[in-house]
Amino acid sequence: MYNPKAFQIEDPAVATEFMRRHNFAVIVTSVDGCPQASHLPFIVDTSGAGLPTLFAHLARANPQWQTFDGAREALVIFQGPHAYVSPSLYEVHPAVPTWNYQAVHAYGIPRVIQATDETRAHVLALVHQHEATQPHPWQPGLPEDFIAGRLHEVVAFRMDITRVEAKFKLSQNRPAADRENVTATFESSNHPSLRDLGRAMRASPGLPD
């Protein structure tokens, strides 16, 4: 992705934590020059050495999994809160509108998981990950034949990340007063995603805590 120096995040740990927090992502592959994309929740596994491994599953009826042949590279796009930035928030003029956002691009070769028990473990891990945040976590005490039928309807895969690009465009190229104005405006917004973006801006280098 186009990533000017001012917005680049070099620390892989920062990119990994971002992927963990915003794990509903888009996987993009290509067949004969035609892009295909699916929107999926991912597990970001850091148990190995180096960059994380991604795990996910998609419907067996979705033909994209057939591109996971162990040879072709895929791109997984993780995106966080984003917002329009009005020049009315700036003190330094002339200026034009822009958009603030955070994104991480992860590259690797997806491989289909063939073993049913490994697929089941992946699906249950994803369920437990998200149920842990619920006030009354659901326990999947389902009949075995029902579980087997549902597992047959999905295809699980893993993707070892080979390289990652992280871009946090948070007004770093603006004077300090402009950054503070934008940050404070977002922090005080009634919109939850704007408040999240404001907190991300506050935590980025160049602004007082």
N, C-alpha and C. Protein backbone atom coordinates (compact mmCIF):
# COMPACT_ATOMS: atom_id res chain seq x y z
N MET A 1 0.84 -1.18 0.00
CA MET A 1 0.00 0.00 0.00
C MET A 1 0.89 1.24 0.00
N TYR A 2 0.34 2.33 -0.45
CA TYR A 2 1.05 3.60 -0.41
C TYR A 2 1.17 4.01 1.06
N ASN A 3 2.41 4.20 1.52
CA ASN A 3 2.62 4.39 2.95
C ASN A 3 3.76 5.37 3.19
N PRO A 4 3.47 6.69 3.17
CA PRO A 4 4.52 7.67 3.44
C PRO A 4 5.18 7.44 4.80
N LYS A 5 6.42 7.87 4.91
CA LYS A 5 7.22 7.61 6.11
C LYS A 5 6.52 8.10 7.37
N ALA A 6 5.85 9.23 7.31
CA ALA A 6 5.22 9.80 8.51
C ALA A 6 4.17 8.88 9.11
N PHE A 7 3.60 7.99 8.30
CA PHE A 7 2.49 7.15 8.76
C PHE A 7 2.90 5.69 8.98
N GLN A 8 4.14 5.35 8.68
CA GLN A 8 4.57 3.95 8.76
C GLN A 8 4.74 3.51 10.21
N ILE A 9 4.30 2.28 10.49
CA ILE A 9 4.51 1.63 11.78
C ILE A 9 5.52 0.50 11.56
N GLU A 10 6.69 0.64 12.15
CA GLU A 10 7.77 -0.32 11.90
C GLU A 10 7.76 -1.49 12.88
N ASP A 11 7.16 -1.32 14.05
CA ASP A 11 7.21 -2.35 15.09
C ASP A 11 6.19 -3.45 14.79
N PRO A 12 6.65 -4.69 14.49
CA PRO A 12 5.69 -5.77 14.21
C PRO A 12 4.74 -6.05 15.37
N ALA A 13 5.18 -5.80 16.60
CA ALA A 13 4.31 -6.05 17.75
C ALA A 13 3.10 -5.13 17.75
N VAL A 14 3.29 -3.89 17.30
CA VAL A 14 2.18 -2.95 17.20
C VAL A 14 1.18 -3.43 16.15
N ALA A 15 1.70 -3.88 15.01
CA ALA A 15 0.83 -4.39 13.95
C ALA A 15 0.07 -5.64 14.41
N THR A 16 0.75 -6.50 15.16
CA THR A 16 0.11 -7.72 15.65
C THR A 16 -1.02 -7.40 16.61
N GLU A 17 -0.78 -6.49 17.54
CA GLU A 17 -1.82 -6.12 18.50
C GLU A 17 -3.01 -5.47 17.79
N PHE A 18 -2.73 -4.70 16.75
CA PHE A 18 -3.81 -4.09 15.97
C PHE A 18 -4.66 -5.18 15.30
N MET A 19 -4.01 -6.18 14.72
CA MET A 19 -4.75 -7.27 14.08
C MET A 19 -5.60 -8.03 15.10
N ARG A 20 -5.08 -8.20 16.30
CA ARG A 20 -5.84 -8.88 17.35
C ARG A 20 -7.12 -8.10 17.69
N ARG A 21 -6.99 -6.78 17.81
CA ARG A 21 -8.13 -5.96 18.22
C ARG A 21 -9.15 -5.80 17.10
N HIS A 22 -8.70 -5.84 15.86
CA HIS A 22 -9.58 -5.62 14.71
C HIS A 22 -9.51 -6.85 13.80
N ASN A 23 -9.96 -7.98 14.36
CA ASN A 23 -9.70 -9.25 13.68
C ASN A 23 -10.73 -9.61 12.61
N PHE A 24 -11.74 -8.77 12.39
CA PHE A 24 -12.66 -9.01 11.27
C PHE A 24 -12.05 -8.32 10.06
N ALA A 25 -11.54 -9.13 9.12
CA ALA A 25 -10.70 -8.59 8.04
C ALA A 25 -11.16 -9.12 6.69
N VAL A 26 -10.48 -8.66 5.64
CA VAL A 26 -10.80 -9.05 4.27
C VAL A 26 -9.62 -9.80 3.68
N ILE A 27 -9.85 -11.02 3.19
CA ILE A 27 -8.80 -11.76 2.50
C ILE A 27 -9.02 -11.63 1.00
N VAL A 28 -7.96 -11.26 0.29
CA VAL A 28 -8.03 -11.01 -1.15
C VAL A 28 -7.08 -11.97 -1.86
N THR A 29 -7.61 -12.69 -2.85
CA THR A 29 -6.81 -13.54 -3.71
C THR A 29 -7.17 -13.21 -5.16
N SER A 30 -6.48 -13.87 -6.09
CA SER A 30 -6.74 -13.59 -7.50
C SER A 30 -6.74 -14.88 -8.30
N VAL A 31 -7.67 -14.96 -9.25
CA VAL A 31 -7.76 -16.09 -10.18
C VAL A 31 -7.80 -15.53 -11.59
N ASP A 32 -6.79 -15.84 -12.36
CA ASP A 32 -6.72 -15.36 -13.75
C ASP A 32 -6.89 -13.84 -13.83
N GLY A 33 -6.27 -13.15 -12.90
CA GLY A 33 -6.31 -11.69 -12.91
C GLY A 33 -7.57 -11.09 -12.33
N CYS A 34 -8.49 -11.93 -11.86
CA CYS A 34 -9.74 -11.43 -11.29
C CYS A 34 -9.68 -11.52 -9.77
N PRO A 35 -9.76 -10.40 -9.05
CA PRO A 35 -9.67 -10.45 -7.59
C PRO A 35 -10.91 -11.06 -6.96
N GLN A 36 -10.70 -11.81 -5.87
CA GLN A 36 -11.79 -12.34 -5.07
C GLN A 36 -11.54 -11.94 -3.62
N ALA A 37 -12.59 -11.65 -2.88
CA ALA A 37 -12.45 -11.20 -1.50
C ALA A 37 -13.54 -11.79 -0.64
N SER A 38 -13.19 -12.08 0.62
CA SER A 38 -14.16 -12.55 1.61
C SER A 38 -13.90 -11.82 2.92
N HIS A 39 -14.97 -11.53 3.66
CA HIS A 39 -14.90 -10.84 4.94
C HIS A 39 -15.03 -11.89 6.04
N LEU A 40 -13.96 -12.03 6.86
CA LEU A 40 -13.90 -13.14 7.81
C LEU A 40 -13.31 -12.70 9.15
N PRO A 41 -13.72 -13.35 10.25
CA PRO A 41 -13.03 -13.16 11.53
C PRO A 41 -11.79 -14.07 11.56
N PHE A 42 -10.68 -13.53 12.04
CA PHE A 42 -9.42 -14.27 12.08
C PHE A 42 -8.94 -14.46 13.50
N ILE A 43 -8.26 -15.58 13.73
CA ILE A 43 -7.45 -15.77 14.93
C ILE A 43 -6.03 -15.38 14.57
N VAL A 44 -5.42 -14.55 15.41
CA VAL A 44 -4.03 -14.12 15.20
C VAL A 44 -3.18 -14.88 16.21
N ASP A 45 -2.48 -15.89 15.74
CA ASP A 45 -1.74 -16.81 16.61
C ASP A 45 -0.26 -16.40 16.67
N THR A 46 0.20 -16.09 17.88
CA THR A 46 1.59 -15.66 18.06
C THR A 46 2.42 -16.72 18.78
N SER A 47 1.96 -17.96 18.80
CA SER A 47 2.66 -19.00 19.55
C SER A 47 3.96 -19.43 18.88
N GLY A 48 4.10 -19.18 17.57
CA GLY A 48 5.32 -19.56 16.88
C GLY A 48 6.34 -18.44 16.88
N ALA A 49 7.47 -18.70 16.25
CA ALA A 49 8.51 -17.69 16.13
C ALA A 49 8.21 -16.77 14.94
N GLY A 50 8.68 -15.54 15.02
CA GLY A 50 8.50 -14.61 13.92
C GLY A 50 7.12 -14.02 13.87
N LEU A 51 6.66 -13.71 12.65
CA LEU A 51 5.36 -13.08 12.46
C LEU A 51 4.23 -14.07 12.79
N PRO A 52 3.04 -13.55 13.11
CA PRO A 52 1.94 -14.44 13.51
C PRO A 52 1.45 -15.33 12.36
N THR A 53 0.64 -16.31 12.75
CA THR A 53 -0.10 -17.15 11.81
C THR A 53 -1.57 -16.80 11.94
N LEU A 54 -2.24 -16.68 10.81
CA LEU A 54 -3.66 -16.38 10.79
C LEU A 54 -4.46 -17.67 10.56
N PHE A 55 -5.56 -17.80 11.30
CA PHE A 55 -6.49 -18.91 11.10
C PHE A 55 -7.88 -18.34 10.86
N ALA A 56 -8.61 -18.94 9.93
CA ALA A 56 -9.98 -18.53 9.65
C ALA A 56 -10.69 -19.66 8.93
N HIS A 57 -11.97 -19.47 8.69
CA HIS A 57 -12.73 -20.44 7.90
C HIS A 57 -13.78 -19.70 7.09
N LEU A 58 -14.18 -20.29 6.00
CA LEU A 58 -15.22 -19.72 5.15
C LEU A 58 -16.15 -20.83 4.70
N ALA A 59 -17.28 -20.46 4.15
CA ALA A 59 -18.26 -21.45 3.72
C ALA A 59 -17.69 -22.31 2.59
N ARG A 60 -17.95 -23.61 2.66
CA ARG A 60 -17.49 -24.50 1.60
C ARG A 60 -18.09 -24.09 0.25
N ALA A 61 -19.28 -23.48 0.28
CA ALA A 61 -19.92 -23.04 -0.96
C ALA A 61 -19.23 -21.80 -1.55
N ASN A 62 -18.36 -21.16 -0.78
CA ASN A 62 -17.61 -19.99 -1.27
C ASN A 62 -16.43 -20.49 -2.11
N PRO A 63 -16.39 -20.21 -3.41
CA PRO A 63 -15.34 -20.78 -4.26
C PRO A 63 -13.95 -20.22 -3.98
N GLN A 64 -13.84 -19.16 -3.17
CA GLN A 64 -12.52 -18.58 -2.97
C GLN A 64 -11.53 -19.55 -2.33
N TRP A 65 -12.03 -20.47 -1.50
CA TRP A 65 -11.10 -21.38 -0.82
C TRP A 65 -10.33 -22.24 -1.82
N GLN A 66 -10.88 -22.41 -3.03
CA GLN A 66 -10.19 -23.22 -4.03
C GLN A 66 -8.93 -22.53 -4.57
N THR A 67 -8.76 -21.23 -4.25
CA THR A 67 -7.53 -20.54 -4.63
C THR A 67 -6.43 -20.76 -3.59
N PHE A 68 -6.76 -21.39 -2.46
CA PHE A 68 -5.77 -21.65 -1.42
C PHE A 68 -5.01 -22.93 -1.76
N ASP A 69 -4.19 -22.84 -2.78
CA ASP A 69 -3.52 -24.04 -3.31
C ASP A 69 -2.11 -24.24 -2.76
N GLY A 70 -1.71 -23.42 -1.79
CA GLY A 70 -0.38 -23.56 -1.22
C GLY A 70 0.71 -22.93 -2.06
N ALA A 71 0.32 -22.20 -3.12
CA ALA A 71 1.31 -21.59 -3.99
C ALA A 71 1.07 -20.09 -4.18
N ARG A 72 -0.20 -19.70 -4.20
CA ARG A 72 -0.52 -18.30 -4.50
C ARG A 72 -0.62 -17.45 -3.23
N GLU A 73 -0.03 -16.26 -3.31
CA GLU A 73 -0.03 -15.34 -2.17
C GLU A 73 -1.40 -14.68 -2.02
N ALA A 74 -1.75 -14.40 -0.79
CA ALA A 74 -2.99 -13.69 -0.47
C ALA A 74 -2.66 -12.45 0.34
N LEU A 75 -3.59 -11.52 0.35
CA LEU A 75 -3.50 -10.30 1.15
C LEU A 75 -4.68 -10.27 2.11
N VAL A 76 -4.41 -10.07 3.41
CA VAL A 76 -5.46 -9.90 4.40
C VAL A 76 -5.39 -8.47 4.91
N ILE A 77 -6.51 -7.76 4.82
CA ILE A 77 -6.57 -6.34 5.17
C ILE A 77 -7.33 -6.17 6.48
N PHE A 78 -6.65 -5.62 7.48
CA PHE A 78 -7.26 -5.30 8.77
C PHE A 78 -7.43 -3.79 8.85
N GLN A 79 -8.61 -3.35 9.27
CA GLN A 79 -8.88 -1.91 9.34
C GLN A 79 -9.56 -1.56 10.65
N GLY A 80 -9.16 -0.43 11.22
CA GLY A 80 -9.73 0.05 12.46
C GLY A 80 -10.64 1.24 12.23
N PRO A 81 -10.87 2.04 13.27
CA PRO A 81 -11.74 3.22 13.13
C PRO A 81 -11.13 4.23 12.16
N HIS A 82 -12.01 4.97 11.48
CA HIS A 82 -11.55 5.95 10.49
C HIS A 82 -12.55 7.09 10.46
N ALA A 83 -12.11 8.24 9.93
CA ALA A 83 -13.01 9.39 9.94
C ALA A 83 -12.53 10.48 8.99
N TYR A 84 -13.48 11.23 8.50
CA TYR A 84 -13.22 12.44 7.72
C TYR A 84 -12.65 13.51 8.66
N VAL A 85 -11.67 14.25 8.16
CA VAL A 85 -11.07 15.35 8.93
C VAL A 85 -11.33 16.65 8.19
N SER A 86 -12.07 17.56 8.82
CA SER A 86 -12.41 18.84 8.21
C SER A 86 -11.31 19.88 8.47
N PRO A 87 -10.97 20.69 7.46
CA PRO A 87 -10.00 21.77 7.68
C PRO A 87 -10.47 22.79 8.72
N SER A 88 -11.77 22.76 9.06
CA SER A 88 -12.27 23.69 10.07
C SER A 88 -11.65 23.40 11.44
N LEU A 89 -11.06 22.22 11.60
CA LEU A 89 -10.40 21.88 12.86
C LEU A 89 -8.95 22.35 12.92
N TYR A 90 -8.45 22.90 11.81
CA TYR A 90 -7.05 23.33 11.74
C TYR A 90 -6.90 24.79 12.11
N GLU A 91 -5.73 25.10 12.64
CA GLU A 91 -5.36 26.48 12.88
C GLU A 91 -4.44 27.01 11.79
N VAL A 92 -3.75 26.09 11.11
CA VAL A 92 -2.81 26.47 10.05
C VAL A 92 -3.50 26.33 8.70
N HIS A 93 -3.53 27.41 7.92
CA HIS A 93 -4.18 27.44 6.61
C HIS A 93 -3.24 28.08 5.59
N PRO A 94 -3.46 27.78 4.28
CA PRO A 94 -4.56 27.01 3.69
C PRO A 94 -4.40 25.51 3.96
N ALA A 95 -5.53 24.78 3.90
CA ALA A 95 -5.53 23.35 4.14
C ALA A 95 -6.71 22.72 3.41
N VAL A 96 -6.63 21.43 3.22
CA VAL A 96 -7.70 20.70 2.52
C VAL A 96 -8.20 19.56 3.41
N PRO A 97 -9.40 19.04 3.14
CA PRO A 97 -9.90 17.91 3.92
C PRO A 97 -9.04 16.66 3.71
N THR A 98 -9.14 15.72 4.65
CA THR A 98 -8.43 14.44 4.50
C THR A 98 -9.20 13.37 5.27
N TRP A 99 -8.61 12.20 5.38
CA TRP A 99 -9.23 11.09 6.10
C TRP A 99 -8.19 10.44 6.98
N ASN A 100 -8.50 10.24 8.25
CA ASN A 100 -7.61 9.55 9.17
C ASN A 100 -8.05 8.10 9.32
N TYR A 101 -7.08 7.20 9.40
CA TYR A 101 -7.41 5.78 9.52
C TYR A 101 -6.18 4.99 9.94
N GLN A 102 -6.43 3.74 10.30
CA GLN A 102 -5.37 2.78 10.60
C GLN A 102 -5.65 1.52 9.80
N ALA A 103 -4.60 0.93 9.23
CA ALA A 103 -4.77 -0.29 8.46
C ALA A 103 -3.49 -1.11 8.52
N VAL A 104 -3.67 -2.42 8.49
CA VAL A 104 -2.54 -3.35 8.41
C VAL A 104 -2.79 -4.31 7.27
N HIS A 105 -1.78 -4.49 6.44
CA HIS A 105 -1.84 -5.46 5.34
C HIS A 105 -0.91 -6.63 5.69
N ALA A 106 -1.45 -7.83 5.72
CA ALA A 106 -0.67 -9.03 6.01
C ALA A 106 -0.65 -9.91 4.76
N TYR A 107 0.55 -10.39 4.40
CA TYR A 107 0.73 -11.20 3.21
C TYR A 107 1.20 -12.60 3.59
N GLY A 108 0.79 -13.58 2.81
CA GLY A 108 1.21 -14.95 3.04
C GLY A 108 0.50 -15.88 2.08
N ILE A 109 0.77 -17.16 2.22
CA ILE A 109 0.17 -18.18 1.36
C ILE A 109 -0.82 -18.99 2.19
N PRO A 110 -2.12 -18.85 1.93
CA PRO A 110 -3.11 -19.63 2.70
C PRO A 110 -3.10 -21.10 2.30
N ARG A 111 -3.27 -21.94 3.30
CA ARG A 111 -3.29 -23.39 3.07
C ARG A 111 -4.51 -23.99 3.76
N VAL A 112 -5.24 -24.81 3.03
CA VAL A 112 -6.45 -25.44 3.57
C VAL A 112 -6.08 -26.43 4.66
N ILE A 113 -6.84 -26.43 5.75
CA ILE A 113 -6.69 -27.41 6.82
C ILE A 113 -7.56 -28.61 6.49
N GLN A 114 -6.93 -29.76 6.31
CA GLN A 114 -7.66 -30.94 5.87
C GLN A 114 -8.27 -31.73 7.04
N ALA A 115 -7.60 -31.74 8.18
CA ALA A 115 -8.04 -32.57 9.31
C ALA A 115 -9.27 -31.98 9.98
N THR A 116 -10.30 -32.81 10.16
CA THR A 116 -11.54 -32.35 10.77
C THR A 116 -11.34 -31.91 12.20
N ASP A 117 -10.48 -32.62 12.95
CA ASP A 117 -10.27 -32.25 14.36
C ASP A 117 -9.57 -30.90 14.47
N GLU A 118 -8.67 -30.60 13.53
CA GLU A 118 -8.00 -29.29 13.55
C GLU A 118 -8.97 -28.18 13.17
N THR A 119 -9.85 -28.46 12.21
CA THR A 119 -10.88 -27.49 11.85
C THR A 119 -11.79 -27.21 13.04
N ARG A 120 -12.19 -28.27 13.73
CA ARG A 120 -13.06 -28.11 14.90
C ARG A 120 -12.36 -27.27 15.98
N ALA A 121 -11.09 -27.55 16.21
CA ALA A 121 -10.34 -26.81 17.23
C ALA A 121 -10.26 -25.33 16.88
N HIS A 122 -10.04 -25.04 15.60
CA HIS A 122 -9.97 -23.64 15.16
C HIS A 122 -11.31 -22.93 15.37
N VAL A 123 -12.40 -23.58 14.96
CA VAL A 123 -13.72 -22.95 15.09
C VAL A 123 -14.06 -22.71 16.56
N LEU A 124 -13.79 -23.69 17.41
CA LEU A 124 -14.08 -23.53 18.83
C LEU A 124 -13.21 -22.45 19.46
N ALA A 125 -11.95 -22.35 19.04
CA ALA A 125 -11.07 -21.31 19.57
C ALA A 125 -11.60 -19.92 19.21
N LEU A 126 -12.12 -19.78 18.00
CA LEU A 126 -12.68 -18.51 17.58
C LEU A 126 -13.94 -18.17 18.39
N VAL A 127 -14.78 -19.20 18.63
CA VAL A 127 -15.98 -18.98 19.43
C VAL A 127 -15.60 -18.56 20.85
N HIS A 128 -14.68 -19.28 21.47
CA HIS A 128 -14.28 -18.97 22.84
C HIS A 128 -13.66 -17.58 22.94
N GLN A 129 -12.90 -17.20 21.92
CA GLN A 129 -12.27 -15.87 21.92
C GLN A 129 -13.31 -14.77 22.02
N HIS A 130 -14.40 -14.91 21.29
CA HIS A 130 -15.40 -13.85 21.27
C HIS A 130 -16.45 -14.01 22.36
N GLU A 131 -16.72 -15.24 22.78
CA GLU A 131 -17.66 -15.43 23.88
C GLU A 131 -17.08 -14.91 25.19
N ALA A 132 -15.76 -14.86 25.29
CA ALA A 132 -15.12 -14.40 26.52
C ALA A 132 -15.47 -12.96 26.85
N THR A 133 -15.88 -12.20 25.85
CA THR A 133 -16.21 -10.79 26.08
C THR A 133 -17.71 -10.59 26.36
N GLN A 134 -18.49 -11.68 26.32
CA GLN A 134 -19.93 -11.58 26.54
C GLN A 134 -20.25 -11.60 28.03
N PRO A 135 -21.31 -10.92 28.44
CA PRO A 135 -21.67 -10.94 29.87
C PRO A 135 -22.07 -12.32 30.36
N HIS A 136 -22.66 -13.13 29.48
CA HIS A 136 -23.04 -14.50 29.82
C HIS A 136 -22.55 -15.43 28.70
N PRO A 137 -21.28 -15.83 28.74
CA PRO A 137 -20.70 -16.61 27.63
C PRO A 137 -21.50 -17.87 27.32
N TRP A 138 -21.74 -18.07 26.04
CA TRP A 138 -22.45 -19.26 25.56
C TRP A 138 -21.51 -20.46 25.55
N GLN A 139 -21.99 -21.60 26.00
CA GLN A 139 -21.21 -22.83 25.98
C GLN A 139 -21.75 -23.74 24.88
N PRO A 140 -20.91 -24.07 23.89
CA PRO A 140 -21.41 -24.85 22.74
C PRO A 140 -21.58 -26.33 23.04
N GLY A 141 -22.55 -26.65 23.91
CA GLY A 141 -22.84 -28.04 24.21
C GLY A 141 -23.83 -28.60 23.20
N LEU A 142 -23.37 -28.79 21.98
CA LEU A 142 -24.24 -29.20 20.88
C LEU A 142 -24.10 -30.69 20.59
N PRO A 143 -25.14 -31.32 20.02
CA PRO A 143 -25.03 -32.73 19.64
C PRO A 143 -23.90 -32.95 18.63
N GLU A 144 -23.20 -34.07 18.76
CA GLU A 144 -22.04 -34.32 17.90
C GLU A 144 -22.41 -34.39 16.43
N ASP A 145 -23.57 -34.97 16.11
CA ASP A 145 -23.95 -35.06 14.70
C ASP A 145 -24.25 -33.68 14.12
N PHE A 146 -24.79 -32.79 14.97
CA PHE A 146 -25.05 -31.42 14.52
C PHE A 146 -23.73 -30.70 14.25
N ILE A 147 -22.76 -30.84 15.16
CA ILE A 147 -21.45 -30.21 14.97
C ILE A 147 -20.78 -30.74 13.71
N ALA A 148 -20.82 -32.04 13.51
CA ALA A 148 -20.19 -32.65 12.33
C ALA A 148 -20.79 -32.09 11.04
N GLY A 149 -22.09 -31.90 11.05
CA GLY A 149 -22.75 -31.36 9.86
C GLY A 149 -22.33 -29.94 9.57
N ARG A 150 -22.22 -29.13 10.63
CA ARG A 150 -21.82 -27.73 10.45
C ARG A 150 -20.36 -27.65 10.00
N LEU A 151 -19.49 -28.50 10.56
CA LEU A 151 -18.09 -28.47 10.17
C LEU A 151 -17.91 -28.85 8.70
N HIS A 152 -18.78 -29.74 8.21
CA HIS A 152 -18.70 -30.14 6.79
C HIS A 152 -19.03 -28.97 5.86
N GLU A 153 -19.73 -27.98 6.39
CA GLU A 153 -20.16 -26.85 5.56
C GLU A 153 -19.12 -25.74 5.47
N VAL A 154 -17.99 -25.89 6.19
CA VAL A 154 -16.97 -24.85 6.16
C VAL A 154 -15.62 -25.43 5.75
N VAL A 155 -14.72 -24.54 5.35
CA VAL A 155 -13.34 -24.89 5.04
C VAL A 155 -12.44 -23.99 5.87
N ALA A 156 -11.63 -24.59 6.72
CA ALA A 156 -10.70 -23.83 7.53
C ALA A 156 -9.35 -23.73 6.83
N PHE A 157 -8.62 -22.66 7.14
CA PHE A 157 -7.29 -22.50 6.53
C PHE A 157 -6.39 -21.74 7.48
N ARG A 158 -5.10 -21.84 7.23
CA ARG A 158 -4.10 -21.12 7.97
C ARG A 158 -3.23 -20.33 6.99
N MET A 159 -2.68 -19.24 7.47
CA MET A 159 -1.78 -18.44 6.63
C MET A 159 -0.65 -17.91 7.49
N ASP A 160 0.55 -18.42 7.26
CA ASP A 160 1.72 -17.88 7.93
C ASP A 160 2.06 -16.54 7.30
N ILE A 161 2.07 -15.48 8.10
CA ILE A 161 2.37 -14.15 7.56
C ILE A 161 3.85 -14.07 7.20
N THR A 162 4.13 -13.69 5.98
CA THR A 162 5.51 -13.56 5.52
C THR A 162 6.00 -12.12 5.55
N ARG A 163 5.08 -11.18 5.44
CA ARG A 163 5.44 -9.76 5.54
C ARG A 163 4.18 -8.98 5.91
N VAL A 164 4.42 -7.83 6.55
CA VAL A 164 3.29 -7.03 7.01
C VAL A 164 3.60 -5.56 6.78
N GLU A 165 2.57 -4.80 6.41
CA GLU A 165 2.66 -3.36 6.25
C GLU A 165 1.62 -2.73 7.17
N ALA A 166 2.04 -1.72 7.94
CA ALA A 166 1.11 -1.05 8.85
C ALA A 166 1.16 0.44 8.60
N LYS A 167 -0.03 1.03 8.47
CA LYS A 167 -0.16 2.46 8.22
C LYS A 167 -1.16 3.04 9.20
N PHE A 168 -0.68 3.95 10.05
CA PHE A 168 -1.55 4.67 10.97
C PHE A 168 -1.52 6.14 10.57
N LYS A 169 -2.49 6.55 9.78
CA LYS A 169 -2.56 7.93 9.30
C LYS A 169 -3.38 8.74 10.31
N LEU A 170 -2.70 9.44 11.21
CA LEU A 170 -3.34 10.08 12.35
C LEU A 170 -2.92 11.54 12.49
N SER A 171 -2.85 12.23 11.36
CA SER A 171 -2.52 13.66 11.33
C SER A 171 -1.08 13.94 11.75
N GLN A 172 -0.18 12.94 11.62
CA GLN A 172 1.21 13.17 12.01
C GLN A 172 1.88 14.25 11.16
N ASN A 173 1.35 14.50 9.97
CA ASN A 173 1.96 15.49 9.07
C ASN A 173 1.43 16.90 9.32
N ARG A 174 0.58 17.08 10.32
CA ARG A 174 0.04 18.40 10.63
C ARG A 174 0.77 19.01 11.83
N PRO A 175 0.76 20.34 11.96
CA PRO A 175 1.33 20.98 13.15
C PRO A 175 0.67 20.48 14.42
N ALA A 176 1.39 20.60 15.55
CA ALA A 176 0.93 20.06 16.82
C ALA A 176 -0.45 20.60 17.22
N ALA A 177 -0.69 21.91 16.99
CA ALA A 177 -1.98 22.49 17.36
C ALA A 177 -3.11 21.87 16.56
N ASP A 178 -2.89 21.61 15.29
CA ASP A 178 -3.92 20.99 14.46
C ASP A 178 -4.20 19.57 14.93
N ARG A 179 -3.14 18.82 15.23
CA ARG A 179 -3.32 17.45 15.71
C ARG A 179 -4.11 17.44 17.01
N GLU A 180 -3.80 18.35 17.89
CA GLU A 180 -4.51 18.41 19.17
C GLU A 180 -5.98 18.73 18.96
N ASN A 181 -6.28 19.67 18.07
CA ASN A 181 -7.68 20.02 17.80
C ASN A 181 -8.46 18.82 17.25
N VAL A 182 -7.86 18.11 16.29
CA VAL A 182 -8.55 16.95 15.71
C VAL A 182 -8.74 15.86 16.76
N THR A 183 -7.70 15.60 17.52
CA THR A 183 -7.76 14.56 18.55
C THR A 183 -8.84 14.87 19.59
N ALA A 184 -8.84 16.09 20.10
CA ALA A 184 -9.80 16.47 21.12
C ALA A 184 -11.23 16.41 20.60
N THR A 185 -11.42 16.81 19.35
CA THR A 185 -12.76 16.77 18.74
C THR A 185 -13.26 15.33 18.64
N PHE A 186 -12.40 14.43 18.20
CA PHE A 186 -12.80 13.03 18.09
C PHE A 186 -13.05 12.42 19.48
N GLU A 187 -12.19 12.74 20.43
CA GLU A 187 -12.33 12.18 21.78
C GLU A 187 -13.66 12.57 22.42
N SER A 188 -14.18 13.74 22.09
CA SER A 188 -15.41 14.23 22.70
C SER A 188 -16.66 13.91 21.87
N SER A 189 -16.50 13.16 20.80
CA SER A 189 -17.61 12.85 19.91
C SER A 189 -18.62 11.91 20.59
N ASN A 190 -19.87 11.97 20.14
CA ASN A 190 -20.88 11.02 20.58
C ASN A 190 -20.80 9.69 19.83
N HIS A 191 -19.98 9.65 18.79
CA HIS A 191 -19.87 8.45 17.96
C HIS A 191 -18.74 7.57 18.50
N PRO A 192 -19.03 6.32 18.87
CA PRO A 192 -18.00 5.46 19.47
C PRO A 192 -16.76 5.30 18.60
N SER A 193 -16.92 5.14 17.28
CA SER A 193 -15.75 4.92 16.43
C SER A 193 -14.86 6.15 16.36
N LEU A 194 -15.48 7.36 16.43
CA LEU A 194 -14.68 8.57 16.47
C LEU A 194 -13.91 8.68 17.78
N ARG A 195 -14.54 8.30 18.88
CA ARG A 195 -13.83 8.30 20.16
C ARG A 195 -12.66 7.31 20.13
N ASP A 196 -12.88 6.15 19.51
CA ASP A 196 -11.79 5.18 19.39
C ASP A 196 -10.63 5.76 18.58
N LEU A 197 -10.97 6.45 17.51
CA LEU A 197 -9.92 7.06 16.68
C LEU A 197 -9.20 8.16 17.46
N GLY A 198 -9.95 8.93 18.22
CA GLY A 198 -9.33 9.96 19.05
C GLY A 198 -8.37 9.37 20.06
N ARG A 199 -8.74 8.24 20.67
CA ARG A 199 -7.85 7.58 21.62
C ARG A 199 -6.59 7.08 20.92
N ALA A 200 -6.77 6.57 19.70
CA ALA A 200 -5.60 6.10 18.94
C ALA A 200 -4.66 7.26 18.63
N MET A 201 -5.23 8.41 18.28
CA MET A 201 -4.42 9.59 18.01
C MET A 201 -3.70 10.04 19.27
N ARG A 202 -4.39 10.03 20.41
CA ARG A 202 -3.78 10.44 21.67
C ARG A 202 -2.60 9.56 22.03
N ALA A 203 -2.71 8.28 21.71
CA ALA A 203 -1.66 7.33 22.05
C ALA A 203 -0.48 7.34 21.08
N SER A 204 -0.65 8.00 19.94
CA SER A 204 0.42 8.01 18.94
C SER A 204 1.46 9.08 19.30
N PRO A 205 2.69 8.91 18.81
CA PRO A 205 3.75 9.88 19.15
C PRO A 205 3.40 11.30 18.68
N GLY A 206 3.82 12.27 19.46
CA GLY A 206 3.67 13.66 19.04
C GLY A 206 2.59 14.44 19.74
N LEU A 207 1.80 13.77 20.60
CA LEU A 207 0.76 14.47 21.34
C LEU A 207 0.96 14.24 22.84
N PRO A 208 0.63 15.22 23.66
CA PRO A 208 0.74 15.02 25.11
C PRO A 208 -0.33 14.05 25.60
N ASP A 209 -0.03 13.30 26.65
CA ASP A 209 -1.00 12.37 27.24
C ASP A 209 -2.11 13.14 27.96
